[in-house]
């Protein structure tokens, strides 16, 4: 007797990250030193309240695929945060790209580090050309509806941020180069200081009380406390290097 062949579900037939390119296609150059250092600082100081570290994906220059019917279309944000997805804890599980149809979760925040010549694209001032992929702004605002979109121009020391309101992005009022994201109980702002041995004005996360410390800053603070304790013990006639067990 004839048995009908049932079609496979879309989840079985859509491409996976192993089927799609993870490198830059048709784009010249790789991230410069600033992009790499800035992305590291954003990731190191990002501690969203209410989420465990294994529930947060912090990605830099990781291809973001958003349309399974147009797999040659993708964006490559300078840095982005996805909440509520499992973070890989084994090397072989590390993502090659981020596929919206496979992950099922849209990024919560995207950061673009503006470079000369990219302003129109990053700020939605360039119209989509016929037969060309949607612009970054179109993808983030209309297609993915990413809740927060941040653009930092280090050449002009200009920080701009946008939040989805209704059907479009609305500018966020930024005071003293900072703004607060109540959903994760964190703020994002510009901080003047040295990171990885480089002095500059950096985009960095802060909490209710202060800038969130890096591991190097925590180690330095711990060393200073140890030095103060040792000095106090010596003032009391106690050798800190020969304390009784």
C-alpha atoms as a PDB file:
ATOM      1  CA  UNK A   1       0.000   0.000   0.000  1.00  0.00           C
ATOM      2  CA  UNK A   2       1.248   3.485  -0.845  1.00  0.00           C
ATOM      3  CA  UNK A   3       2.663   5.359   2.145  1.00  0.00           C
ATOM      4  CA  UNK A   4       2.765   9.157   1.825  1.00  0.00           C
ATOM      5  CA  UNK A   5       6.095  10.822   2.501  1.00  0.00           C
ATOM      6  CA  UNK A   6       5.663  13.581   5.073  1.00  0.00           C
ATOM      7  CA  UNK A   7       7.873  16.647   4.646  1.00  0.00           C
ATOM      8  CA  UNK A   8      10.545  17.269   7.255  1.00  0.00           C
ATOM      9  CA  UNK A   9      10.025  20.102   9.715  1.00  0.00           C
ATOM     10  CA  UNK A  10      11.765  23.449   9.092  1.00  0.00           C
ATOM     11  CA  UNK A  11      13.978  22.848  12.112  1.00  0.00           C
ATOM     12  CA  UNK A  12      15.357  19.755  10.403  1.00  0.00           C
ATOM     13  CA  UNK A  13      15.985  21.420   7.060  1.00  0.00           C
ATOM     14  CA  UNK A  14      17.212  24.912   7.965  1.00  0.00           C
ATOM     15  CA  UNK A  15      20.996  25.431   7.861  1.00  0.00           C
ATOM     16  CA  UNK A  16      23.022  25.209  11.048  1.00  0.00           C
ATOM     17  CA  UNK A  17      26.068  27.263  11.988  1.00  0.00           C
ATOM     18  CA  UNK A  18      28.216  24.470  10.548  1.00  0.00           C
ATOM     19  CA  UNK A  19      26.649  25.062   7.124  1.00  0.00           C
ATOM     20  CA  UNK A  20      27.252  28.821   6.996  1.00  0.00           C
ATOM     21  CA  UNK A  21      30.477  30.821   6.651  1.00  0.00           C
ATOM     22  CA  UNK A  22      31.785  32.294   9.894  1.00  0.00           C
ATOM     23  CA  UNK A  23      34.441  34.520   8.349  1.00  0.00           C
ATOM     24  CA  UNK A  24      34.060  37.893   6.693  1.00  0.00           C
ATOM     25  CA  UNK A  25      32.671  37.568   3.180  1.00  0.00           C
ATOM     26  CA  UNK A  26      33.480  40.276   0.672  1.00  0.00           C
ATOM     27  CA  UNK A  27      34.671  42.616   3.414  1.00  0.00           C
ATOM     28  CA  UNK A  28      38.254  43.759   3.749  1.00  0.00           C
ATOM     29  CA  UNK A  29      40.245  43.978   6.945  1.00  0.00           C
ATOM     30  CA  UNK A  30      39.898  42.625  10.429  1.00  0.00           C
ATOM     31  CA  UNK A  31      39.106  44.387  13.721  1.00  0.00           C
ATOM     32  CA  UNK A  32      41.831  46.843  14.705  1.00  0.00           C
ATOM     33  CA  UNK A  33      43.515  47.035  18.120  1.00  0.00           C
ATOM     34  CA  UNK A  34      40.957  49.460  19.521  1.00  0.00           C
ATOM     35  CA  UNK A  35      38.045  47.208  18.575  1.00  0.00           C
ATOM     36  CA  UNK A  36      39.694  44.210  20.250  1.00  0.00           C
ATOM     37  CA  UNK A  37      40.626  46.019  23.481  1.00  0.00           C
ATOM     38  CA  UNK A  38      37.263  47.772  23.742  1.00  0.00           C
ATOM     39  CA  UNK A  39      35.379  44.515  23.243  1.00  0.00           C
ATOM     40  CA  UNK A  40      37.471  42.885  25.985  1.00  0.00           C
ATOM     41  CA  UNK A  41      36.627  45.668  28.449  1.00  0.00           C
ATOM     42  CA  UNK A  42      32.919  45.464  27.667  1.00  0.00           C
ATOM     43  CA  UNK A  43      32.935  41.698  28.209  1.00  0.00           C
ATOM     44  CA  UNK A  44      35.051  41.780  31.373  1.00  0.00           C
ATOM     45  CA  UNK A  45      32.886  44.375  33.130  1.00  0.00           C
ATOM     46  CA  UNK A  46      29.468  43.127  31.974  1.00  0.00           C
ATOM     47  CA  UNK A  47      27.681  41.564  34.965  1.00  0.00           C
ATOM     48  CA  UNK A  48      23.903  41.688  34.320  1.00  0.00           C
ATOM     49  CA  UNK A  49      21.878  41.311  37.501  1.00  0.00           C
ATOM     50  CA  UNK A  50      19.553  38.306  37.550  1.00  0.00           C
ATOM     51  CA  UNK A  51      21.568  36.127  35.181  1.00  0.00           C
ATOM     52  CA  UNK A  52      24.218  33.519  35.862  1.00  0.00           C
ATOM     53  CA  UNK A  53      27.423  33.713  33.802  1.00  0.00           C
ATOM     54  CA  UNK A  54      26.465  30.518  31.977  1.00  0.00           C
ATOM     55  CA  UNK A  55      23.212  32.179  30.833  1.00  0.00           C
ATOM     56  CA  UNK A  56      24.922  35.069  29.044  1.00  0.00           C
ATOM     57  CA  UNK A  57      26.560  35.178  25.629  1.00  0.00           C
ATOM     58  CA  UNK A  58      28.957  38.081  25.090  1.00  0.00           C
ATOM     59  CA  UNK A  59      30.156  38.100  21.509  1.00  0.00           C
ATOM     60  CA  UNK A  60      32.538  40.219  19.461  1.00  0.00           C
ATOM     61  CA  UNK A  61      32.697  40.077  15.659  1.00  0.00           C
ATOM     62  CA  UNK A  62      30.615  36.899  15.634  1.00  0.00           C
ATOM     63  CA  UNK A  63      28.448  36.621  12.518  1.00  0.00           C
ATOM     64  CA  UNK A  64      24.776  37.222  13.299  1.00  0.00           C
ATOM     65  CA  UNK A  65      22.488  35.403  10.845  1.00  0.00           C
ATOM     66  CA  UNK A  66      18.868  36.510  10.908  1.00  0.00           C
ATOM     67  CA  UNK A  67      17.117  35.076   7.822  1.00  0.00           C
ATOM     68  CA  UNK A  68      17.182  31.328   7.014  1.00  0.00           C
ATOM     69  CA  UNK A  69      15.881  32.080   3.506  1.00  0.00           C
ATOM     70  CA  UNK A  70      18.778  34.453   2.818  1.00  0.00           C
ATOM     71  CA  UNK A  71      21.809  32.774   4.336  1.00  0.00           C
ATOM     72  CA  UNK A  72      24.229  35.099   2.544  1.00  0.00           C
ATOM     73  CA  UNK A  73      22.792  37.962   4.572  1.00  0.00           C
ATOM     74  CA  UNK A  74      24.284  38.525   7.999  1.00  0.00           C
ATOM     75  CA  UNK A  75      25.603  41.275  10.239  1.00  0.00           C
ATOM     76  CA  UNK A  76      28.799  41.230  12.265  1.00  0.00           C
ATOM     77  CA  UNK A  77      28.296  43.507  15.299  1.00  0.00           C
ATOM     78  CA  UNK A  78      31.407  44.789  17.016  1.00  0.00           C
ATOM     79  CA  UNK A  79      29.986  43.534  20.337  1.00  0.00           C
ATOM     80  CA  UNK A  80      26.676  42.139  21.510  1.00  0.00           C
ATOM     81  CA  UNK A  81      24.984  40.584  24.507  1.00  0.00           C
ATOM     82  CA  UNK A  82      22.395  37.796  24.461  1.00  0.00           C
ATOM     83  CA  UNK A  83      20.579  36.919  27.680  1.00  0.00           C
ATOM     84  CA  UNK A  84      19.064  33.563  28.511  1.00  0.00           C
ATOM     85  CA  UNK A  85      21.089  31.354  26.183  1.00  0.00           C
ATOM     86  CA  UNK A  86      23.579  28.687  27.280  1.00  0.00           C
ATOM     87  CA  UNK A  87      27.214  29.675  27.106  1.00  0.00           C
ATOM     88  CA  UNK A  88      29.560  26.999  25.795  1.00  0.00           C
ATOM     89  CA  UNK A  89      31.646  25.336  28.501  1.00  0.00           C
ATOM     90  CA  UNK A  90      33.530  23.000  26.180  1.00  0.00           C
ATOM     91  CA  UNK A  91      35.826  24.128  23.390  1.00  0.00           C
ATOM     92  CA  UNK A  92      34.068  21.971  20.798  1.00  0.00           C
ATOM     93  CA  UNK A  93      30.753  23.680  21.676  1.00  0.00           C
ATOM     94  CA  UNK A  94      31.957  27.214  20.962  1.00  0.00           C
ATOM     95  CA  UNK A  95      29.738  28.952  18.421  1.00  0.00           C
ATOM     96  CA  UNK A  96      31.008  29.577  14.907  1.00  0.00           C
ATOM     97  CA  UNK A  97      28.197  32.096  14.348  1.00  0.00           C
ATOM     98  CA  UNK A  98      24.929  33.114  16.011  1.00  0.00           C
ATOM     99  CA  UNK A  99      21.815  31.936  14.159  1.00  0.00           C
ATOM    100  CA  UNK A 100      18.566  33.526  15.278  1.00  0.00           C
ATOM    101  CA  UNK A 101      16.416  30.665  13.963  1.00  0.00           C
ATOM    102  CA  UNK A 102      18.505  28.107  15.833  1.00  0.00           C
ATOM    103  CA  UNK A 103      19.011  29.996  19.110  1.00  0.00           C
ATOM    104  CA  UNK A 104      15.520  31.468  19.326  1.00  0.00           C
ATOM    105  CA  UNK A 105      16.731  34.514  21.308  1.00  0.00           C
ATOM    106  CA  UNK A 106      17.426  37.996  19.939  1.00  0.00           C
ATOM    107  CA  UNK A 107      20.404  39.974  21.268  1.00  0.00           C
ATOM    108  CA  UNK A 108      19.483  42.275  24.146  1.00  0.00           C
ATOM    109  CA  UNK A 109      22.053  44.913  23.232  1.00  0.00           C
ATOM    110  CA  UNK A 110      24.318  45.581  20.260  1.00  0.00           C
ATOM    111  CA  UNK A 111      27.317  47.921  20.250  1.00  0.00           C
ATOM    112  CA  UNK A 112      28.857  49.291  17.078  1.00  0.00           C
ATOM    113  CA  UNK A 113      32.211  51.084  17.316  1.00  0.00           C
ATOM    114  CA  UNK A 114      31.995  53.713  14.631  1.00  0.00           C
ATOM    115  CA  UNK A 115      34.851  53.885  12.154  1.00  0.00           C
ATOM    116  CA  UNK A 116      35.524  56.482   9.456  1.00  0.00           C
ATOM    117  CA  UNK A 117      33.093  55.810   6.651  1.00  0.00           C
ATOM    118  CA  UNK A 118      30.635  53.676   8.663  1.00  0.00           C
ATOM    119  CA  UNK A 119      28.582  56.443  10.307  1.00  0.00           C
ATOM    120  CA  UNK A 120      25.762  56.446   7.759  1.00  0.00           C
ATOM    121  CA  UNK A 121      25.422  52.667   8.002  1.00  0.00           C
ATOM    122  CA  UNK A 122      25.656  52.486  11.801  1.00  0.00           C
ATOM    123  CA  UNK A 123      23.198  55.323  12.423  1.00  0.00           C
ATOM    124  CA  UNK A 124      20.570  54.369   9.867  1.00  0.00           C
ATOM    125  CA  UNK A 125      21.337  57.269   7.541  1.00  0.00           C
ATOM    126  CA  UNK A 126      21.975  55.089   4.498  1.00  0.00           C
ATOM    127  CA  UNK A 127      19.020  53.830   2.499  1.00  0.00           C
ATOM    128  CA  UNK A 128      18.840  50.193   1.492  1.00  0.00           C
ATOM    129  CA  UNK A 129      19.899  49.666  -2.090  1.00  0.00           C
ATOM    130  CA  UNK A 130      17.822  47.578  -4.500  1.00  0.00           C
ATOM    131  CA  UNK A 131      18.624  43.860  -4.377  1.00  0.00           C
ATOM    132  CA  UNK A 132      20.971  44.446  -1.433  1.00  0.00           C
ATOM    133  CA  UNK A 133      20.687  43.147   2.146  1.00  0.00           C
ATOM    134  CA  UNK A 134      18.974  45.340   4.754  1.00  0.00           C
ATOM    135  CA  UNK A 135      21.197  47.860   6.513  1.00  0.00           C
ATOM    136  CA  UNK A 136      22.376  47.342  10.090  1.00  0.00           C
ATOM    137  CA  UNK A 137      19.769  49.774  11.352  1.00  0.00           C
ATOM    138  CA  UNK A 138      16.990  47.972   9.464  1.00  0.00           C
ATOM    139  CA  UNK A 139      18.046  44.588  10.846  1.00  0.00           C
ATOM    140  CA  UNK A 140      18.472  45.733  14.439  1.00  0.00           C
ATOM    141  CA  UNK A 141      15.365  47.926  14.539  1.00  0.00           C
ATOM    142  CA  UNK A 142      12.778  46.371  12.218  1.00  0.00           C
ATOM    143  CA  UNK A 143      13.746  42.723  11.781  1.00  0.00           C
ATOM    144  CA  UNK A 144      15.266  41.674  15.119  1.00  0.00           C
ATOM    145  CA  UNK A 145      13.926  44.530  17.259  1.00  0.00           C
ATOM    146  CA  UNK A 146      17.022  44.502  19.449  1.00  0.00           C
ATOM    147  CA  UNK A 147      15.979  46.343  22.659  1.00  0.00           C
ATOM    148  CA  UNK A 148      19.142  48.454  22.923  1.00  0.00           C
ATOM    149  CA  UNK A 149      21.499  49.717  20.235  1.00  0.00           C
ATOM    150  CA  UNK A 150      24.653  51.679  21.121  1.00  0.00           C
ATOM    151  CA  UNK A 151      27.066  53.507  18.828  1.00  0.00           C
ATOM    152  CA  UNK A 152      30.367  54.875  20.119  1.00  0.00           C
ATOM    153  CA  UNK A 153      32.534  57.185  18.016  1.00  0.00           C
ATOM    154  CA  UNK A 154      35.961  57.312  19.665  1.00  0.00           C
ATOM    155  CA  UNK A 155      37.186  59.916  17.189  1.00  0.00           C
ATOM    156  CA  UNK A 156      34.610  62.422  18.404  1.00  0.00           C
ATOM    157  CA  UNK A 157      34.201  60.921  21.916  1.00  0.00           C
ATOM    158  CA  UNK A 158      30.518  60.669  21.083  1.00  0.00           C
ATOM    159  CA  UNK A 159      28.256  58.066  22.691  1.00  0.00           C
ATOM    160  CA  UNK A 160      24.771  57.522  21.294  1.00  0.00           C
ATOM    161  CA  UNK A 161      22.198  54.989  22.451  1.00  0.00           C
ATOM    162  CA  UNK A 162      18.759  53.946  21.244  1.00  0.00           C
ATOM    163  CA  UNK A 163      15.922  51.898  22.697  1.00  0.00           C
ATOM    164  CA  UNK A 164      13.023  50.215  20.937  1.00  0.00           C
ATOM    165  CA  UNK A 165       9.830  52.164  21.548  1.00  0.00           C
ATOM    166  CA  UNK A 166       6.751  51.040  19.659  1.00  0.00           C
ATOM    167  CA  UNK A 167       7.894  50.251  16.136  1.00  0.00           C
ATOM    168  CA  UNK A 168      11.163  52.155  16.033  1.00  0.00           C
ATOM    169  CA  UNK A 169      14.274  53.256  17.895  1.00  0.00           C
ATOM    170  CA  UNK A 170      14.094  56.336  20.076  1.00  0.00           C
ATOM    171  CA  UNK A 171      17.259  58.136  21.239  1.00  0.00           C
ATOM    172  CA  UNK A 172      18.154  57.683  24.902  1.00  0.00           C
ATOM    173  CA  UNK A 173      18.973  60.826  26.844  1.00  0.00           C
ATOM    174  CA  UNK A 174      22.598  60.468  27.947  1.00  0.00           C
ATOM    175  CA  UNK A 175      23.795  62.424  30.978  1.00  0.00           C
ATOM    176  CA  UNK A 176      27.503  62.800  31.721  1.00  0.00           C
ATOM    177  CA  UNK A 177      28.234  60.200  29.031  1.00  0.00           C
ATOM    178  CA  UNK A 178      26.243  57.525  30.885  1.00  0.00           C
ATOM    179  CA  UNK A 179      22.853  55.844  30.720  1.00  0.00           C
ATOM    180  CA  UNK A 180      21.092  53.203  32.817  1.00  0.00           C
ATOM    181  CA  UNK A 181      19.522  49.909  31.686  1.00  0.00           C
ATOM    182  CA  UNK A 182      16.964  49.064  34.347  1.00  0.00           C
ATOM    183  CA  UNK A 183      16.220  45.594  32.933  1.00  0.00           C
ATOM    184  CA  UNK A 184      19.672  44.343  33.961  1.00  0.00           C
ATOM    185  CA  UNK A 185      20.380  46.868  36.733  1.00  0.00           C
ATOM    186  CA  UNK A 186      23.533  48.091  34.998  1.00  0.00           C
ATOM    187  CA  UNK A 187      24.721  51.262  33.335  1.00  0.00           C
ATOM    188  CA  UNK A 188      26.944  51.866  30.340  1.00  0.00           C
ATOM    189  CA  UNK A 189      29.161  54.896  29.986  1.00  0.00           C
ATOM    190  CA  UNK A 190      32.465  56.417  28.961  1.00  0.00           C
ATOM    191  CA  UNK A 191      35.353  55.975  31.396  1.00  0.00           C
ATOM    192  CA  UNK A 192      38.738  57.654  31.200  1.00  0.00           C
ATOM    193  CA  UNK A 193      41.555  55.348  32.215  1.00  0.00           C
ATOM    194  CA  UNK A 194      44.085  52.702  31.275  1.00  0.00           C
ATOM    195  CA  UNK A 195      43.034  49.231  30.184  1.00  0.00           C
ATOM    196  CA  UNK A 196      45.445  46.566  28.935  1.00  0.00           C
ATOM    197  CA  UNK A 197      48.171  49.179  29.171  1.00  0.00           C
ATOM    198  CA  UNK A 198      46.397  51.672  26.905  1.00  0.00           C
ATOM    199  CA  UNK A 199      45.147  55.040  28.151  1.00  0.00           C
ATOM    200  CA  UNK A 200      41.959  56.376  26.626  1.00  0.00           C
ATOM    201  CA  UNK A 201      38.238  56.987  26.853  1.00  0.00           C
ATOM    202  CA  UNK A 202      36.567  53.587  26.974  1.00  0.00           C
ATOM    203  CA  UNK A 203      33.022  52.257  26.933  1.00  0.00           C
ATOM    204  CA  UNK A 204      32.502  50.436  30.221  1.00  0.00           C
ATOM    205  CA  UNK A 205      29.805  48.990  32.499  1.00  0.00           C
ATOM    206  CA  UNK A 206      28.973  50.323  35.963  1.00  0.00           C
ATOM    207  CA  UNK A 207      26.602  49.343  38.769  1.00  0.00           C
ATOM    208  CA  UNK A 208      24.699  51.334  41.388  1.00  0.00           C
ATOM    209  CA  UNK A 209      27.891  52.420  43.138  1.00  0.00           C
ATOM    210  CA  UNK A 210      30.896  52.403  40.803  1.00  0.00           C
ATOM    211  CA  UNK A 211      32.537  51.176  37.608  1.00  0.00           C
ATOM    212  CA  UNK A 212      32.661  47.380  37.620  1.00  0.00           C
ATOM    213  CA  UNK A 213      36.221  46.280  38.338  1.00  0.00           C
ATOM    214  CA  UNK A 214      38.396  44.301  35.979  1.00  0.00           C
ATOM    215  CA  UNK A 215      40.393  41.309  37.216  1.00  0.00           C
ATOM    216  CA  UNK A 216      43.602  43.383  37.097  1.00  0.00           C
ATOM    217  CA  UNK A 217      42.004  46.127  39.202  1.00  0.00           C
ATOM    218  CA  UNK A 218      40.733  43.605  41.735  1.00  0.00           C
ATOM    219  CA  UNK A 219      44.184  42.039  41.993  1.00  0.00           C
ATOM    220  CA  UNK A 220      45.777  45.470  42.462  1.00  0.00           C
ATOM    221  CA  UNK A 221      43.267  46.416  45.174  1.00  0.00           C
ATOM    222  CA  UNK A 222      43.879  43.113  46.946  1.00  0.00           C
ATOM    223  CA  UNK A 223      47.628  43.736  46.808  1.00  0.00           C
ATOM    224  CA  UNK A 224      47.197  47.223  48.268  1.00  0.00           C
ATOM    225  CA  UNK A 225      45.108  45.839  51.141  1.00  0.00           C
ATOM    226  CA  UNK A 226      47.755  43.214  51.817  1.00  0.00           C
ATOM    227  CA  UNK A 227      50.480  45.880  51.831  1.00  0.00           C
ATOM    228  CA  UNK A 228      48.511  48.036  54.281  1.00  0.00           C
ATOM    229  CA  UNK A 229      47.936  45.083  56.579  1.00  0.00           C
ATOM    230  CA  UNK A 230      51.622  44.175  56.468  1.00  0.00           C
ATOM    231  CA  UNK A 231      52.597  47.772  57.284  1.00  0.00           C
ATOM    232  CA  UNK A 232      50.185  47.822  60.225  1.00  0.00           C
ATOM    233  CA  UNK A 233      51.528  44.549  61.592  1.00  0.00           C
ATOM    234  CA  UNK A 234      55.081  45.872  61.380  1.00  0.00           C
ATOM    235  CA  UNK A 235      54.015  49.007  63.260  1.00  0.00           C
ATOM    236  CA  UNK A 236      52.845  46.693  66.022  1.00  0.00           C
ATOM    237  CA  UNK A 237      56.159  44.880  66.109  1.00  0.00           C
ATOM    238  CA  UNK A 238      54.865  41.837  64.241  1.00  0.00           C
ATOM    239  CA  UNK A 239      56.711  40.361  61.282  1.00  0.00           C
ATOM    240  CA  UNK A 240      54.018  39.663  58.634  1.00  0.00           C
ATOM    241  CA  UNK A 241      56.338  37.163  56.938  1.00  0.00           C
ATOM    242  CA  UNK A 242      56.639  35.036  60.079  1.00  0.00           C
ATOM    243  CA  UNK A 243      53.146  34.835  61.475  1.00  0.00           C
ATOM    244  CA  UNK A 244      52.320  31.899  63.728  1.00  0.00           C
ATOM    245  CA  UNK A 245      50.332  29.142  62.048  1.00  0.00           C
END
